[in-house]
C-alpha atoms as a PDB file:
ATOM      1  CA  MET A   1      19.434  17.124   2.162  1.00  0.00           C
ATOM      2  CA  THR A   2      21.307  14.717  -0.821  1.00  0.00           C
ATOM      3  CA  VAL A   3      22.415  10.805   0.143  1.00  0.00           C
ATOM      4  CA  ASP A   4      26.069   9.823   0.838  1.00  0.00           C
ATOM      5  CA  THR A   5      28.184   9.557  -2.628  1.00  0.00           C
ATOM      6  CA  GLY A   6      28.523   5.807  -1.980  1.00  0.00           C
ATOM      7  CA  ILE A   7      25.333   5.453  -2.158  1.00  0.00           C
ATOM      8  CA  ALA A   8      24.878   7.485  -5.262  1.00  0.00           C
ATOM      9  CA  GLU A   9      27.833   6.191  -7.002  1.00  0.00           C
ATOM     10  CA  ARG A  10      26.549   2.354  -6.608  1.00  0.00           C
ATOM     11  CA  LEU A  11      23.066   3.135  -7.915  1.00  0.00           C
ATOM     12  CA  ILE A  12      24.425   4.891 -11.304  1.00  0.00           C
ATOM     13  CA  GLY A  13      26.690   2.026 -11.560  1.00  0.00           C
ATOM     14  CA  VAL A  14      23.576  -0.794 -10.561  1.00  0.00           C
ATOM     15  CA  LEU A  15      21.779   1.437 -13.527  1.00  0.00           C
ATOM     16  CA  ARG A  16      24.956   1.657 -15.966  1.00  0.00           C
ATOM     17  CA  THR A  17      24.805  -2.197 -16.045  1.00  0.00           C
ATOM     18  CA  ALA A  18      21.121  -2.311 -16.139  1.00  0.00           C
ATOM     19  CA  ALA A  19      20.654  -0.160 -19.376  1.00  0.00           C
ATOM     20  CA  GLY A  20      23.837  -1.706 -20.943  1.00  0.00           C
ATOM     21  CA  THR A  21      24.929   2.210 -20.821  1.00  0.00           C
ATOM     22  CA  PRO A  22      28.415   2.723 -19.894  1.00  0.00           C
ATOM     23  CA  GLY A  23      28.748   6.204 -20.026  1.00  0.00           C
ATOM     24  CA  LEU A  24      25.083   6.945 -17.865  1.00  0.00           C
ATOM     25  CA  GLU A  25      25.399  10.022 -15.881  1.00  0.00           C
ATOM     26  CA  TYR A  26      23.148  12.324 -13.275  1.00  0.00           C
ATOM     27  CA  GLU A  27      22.138  15.427 -14.265  1.00  0.00           C
ATOM     28  CA  ARG A  28      20.597  15.721 -10.516  1.00  0.00           C
ATOM     29  CA  ARG A  29      21.852  13.489  -8.239  1.00  0.00           C
ATOM     30  CA  PRO A  30      19.711  11.143  -5.567  1.00  0.00           C
ATOM     31  CA  GLU A  31      17.649  13.128  -2.995  1.00  0.00           C
ATOM     32  CA  PRO A  32      15.633  11.215  -0.464  1.00  0.00           C
ATOM     33  CA  MET A  33      11.856  11.771  -1.149  1.00  0.00           C
ATOM     34  CA  GLN A  34       9.757  11.632   1.358  1.00  0.00           C
ATOM     35  CA  GLY A  35       6.759   9.504   2.141  1.00  0.00           C
ATOM     36  CA  GLY A  36       6.547   5.713   2.675  1.00  0.00           C
ATOM     37  CA  PHE A  37       7.261   3.957   6.299  1.00  0.00           C
ATOM     38  CA  TRP A  38       8.691   0.629   4.833  1.00  0.00           C
ATOM     39  CA  ALA A  39      11.122   1.661   1.867  1.00  0.00           C
ATOM     40  CA  GLU A  40      13.477   4.173   1.175  1.00  0.00           C
ATOM     41  CA  LEU A  41      13.205   6.336  -1.463  1.00  0.00           C
ATOM     42  CA  PHE A  42      15.317   8.190  -3.778  1.00  0.00           C
ATOM     43  CA  ALA A  43      14.351  11.140  -6.517  1.00  0.00           C
ATOM     44  CA  PHE A  44      17.391  11.664  -9.273  1.00  0.00           C
ATOM     45  CA  SER A  45      17.572  12.716 -12.680  1.00  0.00           C
ATOM     46  CA  LEU A  46      19.670  11.077 -15.367  1.00  0.00           C
ATOM     47  CA  ALA A  47      21.756  13.332 -17.857  1.00  0.00           C
ATOM     48  CA  ASN A  48      21.617  10.980 -20.984  1.00  0.00           C
ATOM     49  CA  PRO A  49      18.391   8.594 -20.290  1.00  0.00           C
ATOM     50  CA  PRO A  50      18.738   5.442 -22.548  1.00  0.00           C
ATOM     51  CA  GLU A  51      16.290   5.392 -24.886  1.00  0.00           C
ATOM     52  CA  GLY A  52      12.581   5.008 -24.078  1.00  0.00           C
ATOM     53  CA  TRP A  53      13.465   6.487 -20.128  1.00  0.00           C
ATOM     54  CA  PRO A  54      12.352   9.172 -18.915  1.00  0.00           C
ATOM     55  CA  GLY A  55      14.922  11.953 -17.447  1.00  0.00           C
ATOM     56  CA  GLU A  56      13.368  11.774 -13.805  1.00  0.00           C
ATOM     57  CA  LEU A  57      13.455   9.032 -11.610  1.00  0.00           C
ATOM     58  CA  VAL A  58      12.902   7.463  -8.886  1.00  0.00           C
ATOM     59  CA  ALA A  59      14.846   4.285  -7.013  1.00  0.00           C
ATOM     60  CA  ARG A  60      12.863   2.398  -4.096  1.00  0.00           C
ATOM     61  CA  LEU A  61      15.539   0.274  -1.740  1.00  0.00           C
ATOM     62  CA  MET A  62      13.617  -2.171   0.373  1.00  0.00           C
ATOM     63  CA  PRO A  63      14.440  -4.116   2.743  1.00  0.00           C
ATOM     64  CA  ASP A  64      12.469  -7.573   3.046  1.00  0.00           C
ATOM     65  CA  PRO A  65      13.774  -9.196  -0.427  1.00  0.00           C
ATOM     66  CA  GLY A  66      10.659 -11.180  -0.223  1.00  0.00           C
ATOM     67  CA  ALA A  67       7.804  -8.516  -0.332  1.00  0.00           C
ATOM     68  CA  ALA A  68      10.063  -7.022  -2.696  1.00  0.00           C
ATOM     69  CA  ARG A  69      10.398  -9.397  -5.657  1.00  0.00           C
ATOM     70  CA  LYS A  70       6.752  -9.575  -4.807  1.00  0.00           C
ATOM     71  CA  GLU A  71       5.713  -5.877  -5.512  1.00  0.00           C
ATOM     72  CA  THR A  72       8.797  -6.200  -8.459  1.00  0.00           C
ATOM     73  CA  ILE A  73       6.779  -8.891 -10.446  1.00  0.00           C
ATOM     74  CA  VAL A  74       2.964  -6.724  -9.482  1.00  0.00           C
ATOM     75  CA  GLN A  75       3.892  -3.490 -10.374  1.00  0.00           C
ATOM     76  CA  SER A  76       5.613  -4.342 -13.310  1.00  0.00           C
ATOM     77  CA  ALA A  77       3.154  -6.728 -15.227  1.00  0.00           C
ATOM     78  CA  VAL A  78       0.315  -4.199 -14.505  1.00  0.00           C
ATOM     79  CA  ALA A  79       2.447  -0.909 -15.642  1.00  0.00           C
ATOM     80  CA  ALA A  80       2.986  -2.992 -18.981  1.00  0.00           C
ATOM     81  CA  ALA A  81      -0.649  -3.894 -19.101  1.00  0.00           C
ATOM     82  CA  GLY A  82      -1.373   0.002 -19.240  1.00  0.00           C
ATOM     83  CA  PHE A  83      -2.555   0.597 -15.617  1.00  0.00           C
ATOM     84  CA  PRO A  84      -1.431   4.208 -14.419  1.00  0.00           C
ATOM     85  CA  THR A  85       1.406   3.259 -12.393  1.00  0.00           C
ATOM     86  CA  PRO A  86       5.341   3.933 -12.548  1.00  0.00           C
ATOM     87  CA  PHE A  87       6.799   1.855 -15.190  1.00  0.00           C
ATOM     88  CA  VAL A  88       9.976  -0.239 -14.089  1.00  0.00           C
ATOM     89  CA  ARG A  89      13.494   0.408 -15.279  1.00  0.00           C
ATOM     90  CA  ALA A  90      15.928  -1.574 -13.764  1.00  0.00           C
ATOM     91  CA  SER A  91      15.108  -3.784 -10.985  1.00  0.00           C
ATOM     92  CA  GLY A  92      17.180  -6.286  -8.194  1.00  0.00           C
ATOM     93  CA  GLY A  93      18.296  -7.987  -5.285  1.00  0.00           C
ATOM     94  CA  PRO A  94      20.515  -6.839  -2.293  1.00  0.00           C
ATOM     95  CA  ASP A  95      23.457  -9.075  -4.349  1.00  0.00           C
ATOM     96  CA  CYS A  96      22.828  -6.666  -7.115  1.00  0.00           C
ATOM     97  CA  GLY A  97      24.786  -3.921  -6.171  1.00  0.00           C
ATOM     98  CA  LEU A  98      23.212  -1.952  -3.552  1.00  0.00           C
ATOM     99  CA  GLY A  99      22.906  -4.232  -0.895  1.00  0.00           C
ATOM    100  CA  ARG A 100      19.130  -3.842  -0.939  1.00  0.00           C
ATOM    101  CA  ALA A 101      16.398  -4.736  -2.952  1.00  0.00           C
ATOM    102  CA  PHE A 102      15.429  -2.408  -5.543  1.00  0.00           C
ATOM    103  CA  MET A 103      13.192  -1.081  -7.879  1.00  0.00           C
ATOM    104  CA  VAL A 104      14.083   1.555 -10.233  1.00  0.00           C
ATOM    105  CA  MET A 105      11.156   3.628 -12.008  1.00  0.00           C
ATOM    106  CA  ASP A 106       9.359   6.567 -14.033  1.00  0.00           C
ATOM    107  CA  ARG A 107       8.839   9.309 -11.403  1.00  0.00           C
ATOM    108  CA  ALA A 108       4.733  10.264 -10.797  1.00  0.00           C
ATOM    109  CA  THR A 109       3.774  13.761 -10.377  1.00  0.00           C
ATOM    110  CA  GLY A 110       0.583  14.814  -8.528  1.00  0.00           C
ATOM    111  CA  ARG A 111      -0.810  15.187  -5.062  1.00  0.00           C
ATOM    112  CA  PRO A 112      -2.123  12.356  -2.396  1.00  0.00           C
ATOM    113  CA  ALA A 113      -5.992  12.595  -3.261  1.00  0.00           C
ATOM    114  CA  LEU A 114      -6.276  12.952   0.729  1.00  0.00           C
ATOM    115  CA  SER A 115      -3.947  15.867   1.181  1.00  0.00           C
ATOM    116  CA  GLY A 116      -6.963  18.412   1.239  1.00  0.00           C
ATOM    117  CA  LEU A 117      -7.988  16.544   5.424  1.00  0.00           C
ATOM    118  CA  ASP A 118      -4.205  16.716   6.542  1.00  0.00           C
ATOM    119  CA  GLY A 119      -3.895  19.365   9.034  1.00  0.00           C
ATOM    120  CA  ALA A 120      -6.257  22.441   8.905  1.00  0.00           C
ATOM    121  CA  VAL A 121      -9.696  21.013   7.689  1.00  0.00           C
ATOM    122  CA  THR A 122     -12.395  23.244   6.475  1.00  0.00           C
ATOM    123  CA  PRO A 123     -15.877  22.586   5.381  1.00  0.00           C
ATOM    124  CA  ALA A 124     -15.243  23.491   1.918  1.00  0.00           C
ATOM    125  CA  GLY A 125     -11.604  20.633   2.160  1.00  0.00           C
ATOM    126  CA  VAL A 126     -13.974  18.319   3.174  1.00  0.00           C
ATOM    127  CA  ALA A 127     -16.828  18.766   0.386  1.00  0.00           C
ATOM    128  CA  ARG A 128     -14.287  18.975  -2.217  1.00  0.00           C
ATOM    129  CA  LEU A 129     -12.872  15.586  -0.924  1.00  0.00           C
ATOM    130  CA  LEU A 130     -16.452  13.911  -0.560  1.00  0.00           C
ATOM    131  CA  ARG A 131     -16.736  14.870  -4.490  1.00  0.00           C
ATOM    132  CA  GLN A 132     -13.486  13.486  -5.518  1.00  0.00           C
ATOM    133  CA  VAL A 133     -12.041  11.135  -3.526  1.00  0.00           C
ATOM    134  CA  PRO A 134     -14.141   8.161  -3.949  1.00  0.00           C
ATOM    135  CA  ASP A 135     -14.978   8.470  -7.292  1.00  0.00           C
ATOM    136  CA  LEU A 136     -10.599   8.486  -7.686  1.00  0.00           C
ATOM    137  CA  LEU A 137     -10.109   5.440  -5.611  1.00  0.00           C
ATOM    138  CA  ALA A 138     -13.289   2.853  -7.473  1.00  0.00           C
ATOM    139  CA  GLY A 139     -12.098   3.929 -10.463  1.00  0.00           C
ATOM    140  CA  SER A 140      -9.151   3.178  -9.867  1.00  0.00           C
ATOM    141  CA  MET A 141      -9.756  -0.105  -8.092  1.00  0.00           C
ATOM    142  CA  ALA A 142     -12.813  -0.882 -10.596  1.00  0.00           C
ATOM    143  CA  ARG A 143     -10.146  -0.507 -13.757  1.00  0.00           C
ATOM    144  CA  LEU A 144      -7.103  -2.684 -11.513  1.00  0.00           C
ATOM    145  CA  HIS A 145      -9.565  -5.499 -10.649  1.00  0.00           C
ATOM    146  CA  ALA A 146     -10.919  -5.867 -14.264  1.00  0.00           C
ATOM    147  CA  LEU A 147      -6.997  -7.058 -15.330  1.00  0.00           C
ATOM    148  CA  GLU A 148      -6.433 -10.758 -15.592  1.00  0.00           C
ATOM    149  CA  GLU A 149      -5.022 -12.056 -12.959  1.00  0.00           C
ATOM    150  CA  ASP A 150      -2.594 -14.587 -15.365  1.00  0.00           C
ATOM    151  CA  LEU A 151      -0.845 -11.508 -15.579  1.00  0.00           C
ATOM    152  CA  VAL A 152       0.985 -12.082 -12.764  1.00  0.00           C
ATOM    153  CA  ARG A 153      -0.036 -15.565 -10.791  1.00  0.00           C
ATOM    154  CA  GLY A 154       2.525 -17.535 -12.416  1.00  0.00           C
ATOM    155  CA  GLU A 155       4.860 -15.531 -11.408  1.00  0.00           C
ATOM    156  CA  LEU A 156       4.174 -15.194  -7.897  1.00  0.00           C
ATOM    157  CA  GLU A 157       2.905 -18.829  -7.321  1.00  0.00           C
ATOM    158  CA  GLN A 158       7.305 -18.912  -7.645  1.00  0.00           C
ATOM    159  CA  VAL A 159       7.295 -16.505  -4.566  1.00  0.00           C
ATOM    160  CA  ARG A 160       7.852 -18.802  -1.030  1.00  0.00           C
ATOM    161  CA  GLU A 161       9.521 -16.125   0.930  1.00  0.00           C
ATOM    162  CA  VAL A 162       5.963 -14.074   1.519  1.00  0.00           C
ATOM    163  CA  PRO A 163       2.375 -14.543   1.343  1.00  0.00           C
ATOM    164  CA  VAL A 164       0.326 -14.061  -2.292  1.00  0.00           C
ATOM    165  CA  SER A 165      -2.510 -15.155  -1.341  1.00  0.00           C
ATOM    166  CA  LEU A 166      -5.128 -13.991   1.617  1.00  0.00           C
ATOM    167  CA  ALA A 167      -5.509 -17.877   2.904  1.00  0.00           C
ATOM    168  CA  GLY A 168      -1.057 -17.296   3.105  1.00  0.00           C
ATOM    169  CA  GLN A 169      -1.344 -13.512   4.661  1.00  0.00           C
ATOM    170  CA  LEU A 170      -4.283 -14.892   7.127  1.00  0.00           C
ATOM    171  CA  ALA A 171      -1.913 -17.691   8.201  1.00  0.00           C
ATOM    172  CA  MET A 172       1.272 -15.566   8.386  1.00  0.00           C
ATOM    173  CA  LEU A 173      -0.484 -12.689  10.897  1.00  0.00           C
ATOM    174  CA  THR A 174      -2.202 -15.989  13.125  1.00  0.00           C
ATOM    175  CA  ARG A 175       2.019 -16.837  12.978  1.00  0.00           C
ATOM    176  CA  PHE A 176       3.180 -13.530  13.861  1.00  0.00           C
ATOM    177  CA  ALA A 177       0.979 -12.992  16.560  1.00  0.00           C
ATOM    178  CA  ALA A 178       1.658 -16.051  17.946  1.00  0.00           C
ATOM    179  CA  GLU A 179       5.302 -15.188  18.162  1.00  0.00           C
ATOM    180  CA  PHE A 180       4.727 -11.900  19.565  1.00  0.00           C
ATOM    181  CA  GLY A 181       3.051 -13.803  22.222  1.00  0.00           C
ATOM    182  CA  ARG A 182      -0.502 -11.448  21.436  1.00  0.00           C
ATOM    183  CA  GLN A 183      -2.706 -14.789  22.100  1.00  0.00           C
ATOM    184  CA  ASP A 184      -5.093 -11.445  21.899  1.00  0.00           C
ATOM    185  CA  LEU A 185      -4.461 -11.159  18.085  1.00  0.00           C
ATOM    186  CA  VAL A 186      -3.871 -15.213  17.368  1.00  0.00           C
ATOM    187  CA  ASP A 187      -7.625 -15.952  18.680  1.00  0.00           C
ATOM    188  CA  ALA A 188      -8.778 -13.443  16.525  1.00  0.00           C
ATOM    189  CA  ALA A 189      -7.015 -14.339  13.361  1.00  0.00           C
ATOM    190  CA  ARG A 190      -8.266 -18.280  14.008  1.00  0.00           C
ATOM    191  CA  TRP A 191     -11.665 -16.833  14.114  1.00  0.00           C
ATOM    192  CA  LEU A 192     -11.560 -14.865  10.838  1.00  0.00           C
ATOM    193  CA  ALA A 193      -9.637 -18.121   9.161  1.00  0.00           C
ATOM    194  CA  GLY A 194     -13.041 -20.337  10.904  1.00  0.00           C
ATOM    195  CA  HIS A 195     -15.543 -17.875   9.794  1.00  0.00           C
ATOM    196  CA  ARG A 196     -14.331 -16.884   6.042  1.00  0.00           C
ATOM    197  CA  PRO A 197     -17.658 -15.864   3.587  1.00  0.00           C
ATOM    198  CA  ALA A 198     -18.152 -17.695   0.616  1.00  0.00           C
ATOM    199  CA  PRO A 199     -15.481 -18.333  -1.904  1.00  0.00           C
ATOM    200  CA  SER A 200     -15.205 -15.493  -5.028  1.00  0.00           C
ATOM    201  CA  PRO A 201     -12.731 -15.821  -8.141  1.00  0.00           C
ATOM    202  CA  ASP A 202      -9.537 -13.711  -7.111  1.00  0.00           C
ATOM    203  CA  VAL A 203      -8.015 -10.643  -8.910  1.00  0.00           C
ATOM    204  CA  ILE A 204      -5.374  -8.771  -8.309  1.00  0.00           C
ATOM    205  CA  CYS A 205      -5.780  -6.843  -5.122  1.00  0.00           C
ATOM    206  CA  HIS A 206      -3.326  -3.636  -4.177  1.00  0.00           C
ATOM    207  CA  GLY A 207      -3.923  -4.127  -0.635  1.00  0.00           C
ATOM    208  CA  ASP A 208      -3.173  -0.769   0.316  1.00  0.00           C
ATOM    209  CA  LEU A 209      -5.089   1.141  -2.232  1.00  0.00           C
ATOM    210  CA  HIS A 210      -5.861   4.523   0.155  1.00  0.00           C
ATOM    211  CA  PRO A 211      -5.912   8.363  -0.919  1.00  0.00           C
ATOM    212  CA  PHE A 212      -1.479   8.571   0.214  1.00  0.00           C
ATOM    213  CA  ASN A 213      -1.234   5.657  -2.422  1.00  0.00           C
ATOM    214  CA  LEU A 214      -3.079   7.601  -5.616  1.00  0.00           C
ATOM    215  CA  LEU A 215      -1.031  10.431  -6.925  1.00  0.00           C
ATOM    216  CA  ALA A 216      -3.817  13.202  -8.403  1.00  0.00           C
ATOM    217  CA  ASP A 217      -2.624  15.298 -11.338  1.00  0.00           C
ATOM    218  CA  GLY A 218      -5.638  17.142 -12.941  1.00  0.00           C
ATOM    219  CA  ASP A 219      -7.275  14.305 -14.857  1.00  0.00           C
ATOM    220  CA  ARG A 220      -4.294  12.095 -14.288  1.00  0.00           C
ATOM    221  CA  VAL A 221      -4.037   9.385 -11.413  1.00  0.00           C
ATOM    222  CA  THR A 222      -1.304   6.950 -10.736  1.00  0.00           C
ATOM    223  CA  VAL A 223      -1.115   4.329  -7.940  1.00  0.00           C
ATOM    224  CA  LEU A 224       1.954   3.951  -5.783  1.00  0.00           C
ATOM    225  CA  ASP A 225       3.631   1.422  -3.288  1.00  0.00           C
ATOM    226  CA  TRP A 226       2.381  -2.637  -4.388  1.00  0.00           C
ATOM    227  CA  SER A 227       4.300  -4.409  -1.561  1.00  0.00           C
ATOM    228  CA  THR A 228       0.942  -5.922   0.174  1.00  0.00           C
ATOM    229  CA  ALA A 229      -0.647  -6.756  -2.905  1.00  0.00           C
ATOM    230  CA  LEU A 230      -2.232  -9.888  -3.085  1.00  0.00           C
ATOM    231  CA  LEU A 231      -4.467 -12.683  -5.138  1.00  0.00           C
ATOM    232  CA  ALA A 232      -7.117 -12.459  -3.376  1.00  0.00           C
ATOM    233  CA  PRO A 233     -11.340 -12.147  -3.634  1.00  0.00           C
ATOM    234  CA  ARG A 234     -12.219  -7.889  -4.660  1.00  0.00           C
ATOM    235  CA  ALA A 235     -13.855  -7.482  -1.520  1.00  0.00           C
ATOM    236  CA  HIS A 236     -10.005  -7.912   0.620  1.00  0.00           C
ATOM    237  CA  ASP A 237      -9.345  -4.423  -1.672  1.00  0.00           C
ATOM    238  CA  VAL A 238     -12.569  -2.872  -1.419  1.00  0.00           C
ATOM    239  CA  GLY A 239     -12.534  -3.369   2.951  1.00  0.00           C
ATOM    240  CA  PHE A 240      -9.114  -2.520   3.186  1.00  0.00           C
ATOM    241  CA  THR A 241      -9.930   0.950   1.457  1.00  0.00           C
ATOM    242  CA  SER A 242     -13.383   1.304   2.716  1.00  0.00           C
ATOM    243  CA  LEU A 243     -11.655   0.594   6.505  1.00  0.00           C
ATOM    244  CA  LEU A 244      -8.947   3.510   5.894  1.00  0.00           C
ATOM    245  CA  LEU A 245     -11.590   5.976   4.745  1.00  0.00           C
ATOM    246  CA  SER A 246     -13.494   4.873   7.572  1.00  0.00           C
ATOM    247  CA  GLU A 247     -10.823   5.551  10.159  1.00  0.00           C
ATOM    248  CA  PRO A 248      -8.908   8.215   8.902  1.00  0.00           C
ATOM    249  CA  PRO A 249      -5.300   7.921  10.326  1.00  0.00           C
ATOM    250  CA  LEU A 250      -4.731  11.404  10.566  1.00  0.00           C
ATOM    251  CA  ARG A 251      -3.215  14.258  13.004  1.00  0.00           C
ATOM    252  CA  VAL A 252      -5.379  17.139  13.636  1.00  0.00           C
ATOM    253  CA  PRO A 253      -6.466  19.333  16.417  1.00  0.00           C
ATOM    254  CA  ALA A 254      -8.834  17.863  18.740  1.00  0.00           C
ATOM    255  CA  TRP A 255     -11.576  20.118  17.932  1.00  0.00           C
ATOM    256  CA  GLN A 256     -11.482  18.778  14.255  1.00  0.00           C
ATOM    257  CA  ARG A 257     -11.641  14.675  14.746  1.00  0.00           C
ATOM    258  CA  PRO A 258     -15.009  14.718  14.646  1.00  0.00           C
ATOM    259  CA  LEU A 259     -15.477  16.372  11.238  1.00  0.00           C
ATOM    260  CA  VAL A 260     -12.685  14.153  10.069  1.00  0.00           C
ATOM    261  CA  ARG A 261     -14.131  11.087  11.098  1.00  0.00           C
ATOM    262  CA  MET A 262     -17.446  11.706   9.806  1.00  0.00           C
ATOM    263  CA  ALA A 263     -15.892  13.239   6.216  1.00  0.00           C
ATOM    264  CA  GLY A 264     -14.340   9.293   6.819  1.00  0.00           C
ATOM    265  CA  ARG A 265     -17.315   7.627   6.795  1.00  0.00           C
ATOM    266  CA  GLU A 266     -19.251   9.503   4.478  1.00  0.00           C
ATOM    267  CA  LEU A 267     -16.149   8.867   1.773  1.00  0.00           C
ATOM    268  CA  ALA A 268     -15.740   5.175   3.104  1.00  0.00           C
ATOM    269  CA  ARG A 269     -20.059   4.782   2.106  1.00  0.00           C
ATOM    270  CA  ARG A 270     -19.157   7.177  -1.172  1.00  0.00           C
ATOM    271  CA  PHE A 271     -16.061   4.796  -2.188  1.00  0.00           C
ATOM    272  CA  VAL A 272     -18.308   1.350  -1.957  1.00  0.00           C
ATOM    273  CA  ARG A 273     -21.255   2.928  -3.662  1.00  0.00           C
ATOM    274  CA  ALA A 274     -19.098   4.284  -6.419  1.00  0.00           C
ATOM    275  CA  TYR A 275     -16.718   0.962  -6.834  1.00  0.00           C
ATOM    276  CA  ARG A 276     -20.621  -1.382  -7.090  1.00  0.00           C
ATOM    277  CA  ARG A 277     -21.638   1.591  -9.406  1.00  0.00           C
ATOM    278  CA  GLN A 278     -18.225   1.209 -11.728  1.00  0.00           C
ATOM    279  CA  THR A 279     -17.675  -2.280 -11.772  1.00  0.00           C
ATOM    280  CA  GLY A 280     -21.616  -3.899 -11.188  1.00  0.00           C
ATOM    281  CA  THR A 281     -20.705  -5.691  -8.328  1.00  0.00           C
ATOM    282  CA  THR A 282     -22.511  -5.896  -5.208  1.00  0.00           C
ATOM    283  CA  ILE A 283     -20.140  -6.948  -1.698  1.00  0.00           C
ATOM    284  CA  GLU A 284     -22.261  -7.924   0.653  1.00  0.00           C
ATOM    285  CA  PRO A 285     -22.146  -6.189   3.976  1.00  0.00           C
ATOM    286  CA  GLY A 286     -21.229  -9.141   6.028  1.00  0.00           C
ATOM    287  CA  GLU A 287     -18.443  -9.926   3.451  1.00  0.00           C
ATOM    288  CA  LEU A 288     -17.447  -6.868   3.674  1.00  0.00           C
ATOM    289  CA  ARG A 289     -16.800  -6.490   7.901  1.00  0.00           C
ATOM    290  CA  TRP A 290     -15.023  -9.320   7.232  1.00  0.00           C
ATOM    291  CA  HIS A 291     -12.218  -7.937   5.253  1.00  0.00           C
ATOM    292  CA  GLN A 292     -12.085  -5.186   7.029  1.00  0.00           C
ATOM    293  CA  ALA A 293     -12.002  -7.016  10.378  1.00  0.00           C
ATOM    294  CA  VAL A 294      -8.718  -8.585   8.278  1.00  0.00           C
ATOM    295  CA  GLY A 295      -7.096  -5.349   7.739  1.00  0.00           C
ATOM    296  CA  CYS A 296      -7.688  -4.150  11.504  1.00  0.00           C
ATOM    297  CA  LEU A 297      -5.419  -7.496  11.909  1.00  0.00           C
ATOM    298  CA  ARG A 298      -3.098  -6.982   9.655  1.00  0.00           C
ATOM    299  CA  ALA A 299      -2.062  -3.293  11.094  1.00  0.00           C
ATOM    300  CA  LEU A 300      -2.227  -4.848  14.395  1.00  0.00           C
ATOM    301  CA  VAL A 301      -0.059  -7.590  14.051  1.00  0.00           C
ATOM    302  CA  GLU A 302       2.373  -5.341  12.463  1.00  0.00           C
ATOM    303  CA  ALA A 303       2.337  -2.644  15.065  1.00  0.00           C
ATOM    304  CA  ALA A 304       2.952  -5.474  17.595  1.00  0.00           C
ATOM    305  CA  SER A 305       5.878  -6.976  15.925  1.00  0.00           C
ATOM    306  CA  TRP A 306       7.128  -3.235  16.475  1.00  0.00           C
ATOM    307  CA  VAL A 307       6.226  -3.207  20.455  1.00  0.00           C
ATOM    308  CA  HIS A 308       7.730  -7.358  20.611  1.00  0.00           C
ATOM    309  CA  GLU A 309      11.141  -5.512  19.199  1.00  0.00           C
ATOM    310  CA  GLY A 310      11.072  -2.375  20.469  1.00  0.00           C
ATOM    311  CA  VAL A 311      11.207   0.018  18.269  1.00  0.00           C
ATOM    312  CA  ALA A 312       7.163   1.612  18.403  1.00  0.00           C
ATOM    313  CA  ASP A 313       8.670   5.177  19.838  1.00  0.00           C
ATOM    314  CA  GLN A 314      10.549   4.925  16.082  1.00  0.00           C
ATOM    315  CA  ARG A 315       7.080   4.607  15.219  1.00  0.00           C
ATOM    316  CA  ALA A 316       5.010   7.249  16.301  1.00  0.00           C
ATOM    317  CA  GLY A 317       2.801   9.024  13.919  1.00  0.00           C
ATOM    318  CA  HIS A 318       2.657   5.849  11.992  1.00  0.00           C
ATOM    319  CA  PRO A 319      -1.208   5.232  11.047  1.00  0.00           C
ATOM    320  CA  TRP A 320      -1.154   2.030  12.332  1.00  0.00           C
ATOM    321  CA  LEU A 321      -0.547   3.261  15.574  1.00  0.00           C
ATOM    322  CA  LEU A 322      -2.963   6.359  15.077  1.00  0.00           C
ATOM    323  CA  SER A 323      -5.923   3.415  14.415  1.00  0.00           C
ATOM    324  CA  GLY A 324      -4.488   1.669  16.577  1.00  0.00           C
ATOM    325  CA  PRO A 325      -7.888   1.624  18.946  1.00  0.00           C
ATOM    326  CA  PRO A 326     -10.629   1.784  16.275  1.00  0.00           C
ATOM    327  CA  PHE A 327      -9.281  -1.453  14.548  1.00  0.00           C
ATOM    328  CA  ALA A 328      -9.261  -2.969  18.110  1.00  0.00           C
ATOM    329  CA  THR A 329     -12.552  -1.993  18.839  1.00  0.00           C
ATOM    330  CA  ARG A 330     -13.778  -3.656  15.160  1.00  0.00           C
ATOM    331  CA  LEU A 331     -11.358  -6.610  15.241  1.00  0.00           C
ATOM    332  CA  ALA A 332     -13.041  -7.537  18.742  1.00  0.00           C
ATOM    333  CA  THR A 333     -16.583  -6.458  17.275  1.00  0.00           C
ATOM    334  CA  MET A 334     -16.520  -9.283  14.768  1.00  0.00           C
ATOM    335  CA  THR A 335     -14.342 -11.744  16.144  1.00  0.00           C
ATOM    336  CA  GLY A 336     -15.660 -11.704  20.245  1.00  0.00           C
ATOM    337  CA  ALA A 337     -11.704 -11.734  21.106  1.00  0.00           C
ATOM    338  CA  PRO A 338     -10.580  -9.135  23.961  1.00  0.00           C
ATOM    339  CA  VAL A 339      -8.676  -7.591  21.143  1.00  0.00           C
ATOM    340  CA  ARG A 340      -6.355  -5.321  22.481  1.00  0.00           C
ATOM    341  CA  ALA A 341      -4.454  -2.019  20.347  1.00  0.00           C
ATOM    342  CA  THR A 342      -0.585  -2.590  21.586  1.00  0.00           C
END
C-alpha cells in the first residue's frame, strides 16, 4: 500500500528545499512501514540523491513537536558522534510543509533482536536469544553511555515542551496521573520522588532500549527510536531494559507463556551482568528496582491516558497493555500504593 499523493508530493517538496536540489525525484514512492506505535514511518528511495545521501531513506512523522524536537537533537548528535543509529538528513516542525514534525533518516537494515520470541517459541530459539541478545543490548547501551552528555545537554536545555531529565519525567508523570484521575499512580509517583537513590552522574539515556528497537544485521547493530531519550543516571536505561526483558510483552499461546517468562527473566539477568562486565560499573539491586518501578509508572500512566481519552481499544496489543498487570504488581510492591493495571 502506498501513501496518498498529497503526502508524497509534500515530502518530496520538503526534501528538495532541505537538500537545495530542485530536481530531486523519487525512484520508489513512500510506502508505510510497520513498527512503532507513536510515529508514522514511510520508506522510500530517491532516483538522484544529493551527494552523501543514501538512496534508501525513511521519513518519520511525529504527532508531538516537543518530543520530536528532543528526539531529533539526540539522534542527530549521537549519529554524528559515530553511534550506530540512522543519520538524520532533514528534519522540521509541523510548519515546515508536512503538517507534522518530521525526520528523514537513512534506512537501517536488519531484524529485531528478539524476533525469535514472537509467535512460535522453541527451545533452540530461546537458547539462541539467551546467547546473543544480552550482549547485543549491553554493548549498545555501554557504547551510548560512554558518549559525553555535553553532546546534547546544551540543546536539550532549550527544550521546554517535554521532559529532558529524570526529575522532569517524574513530575510530568505525577501531573498526568492526577489529570487522568489515577490517585493510585499519583501516590506511587510521589513515593518514588521521595525515595530516590543516591545521586549519580547523568549520561545520555535512550530510555526505550529493548530488543525491538535494536536491529541486528550480521555483526552490525543499529539502535532506533529516540523519542524517550533523557539525560539521567545510567541505571535509568539499565532498569528499563531489564524490566522489559523480565516481562516480555509478547502475544504467545498460553502453554508457551511460562517459557517466555522464564526466558525473559534469564535474559534480564544476563543483560545486567553483561552491562556490568562491559562498563566496569555496578548498579545496586535497590537502585535497579527503583528505576524499574519508574518504567512501570511510565507505562501505566501512558495506558491511563488512553483510557481517559477513550481510545484504549484502538491500542489493543500495545506492550503497555499486555504487560500492565505485572507492571502494576511490581509498582505496588515497591511503593505500597494500591496500583491497578487500568
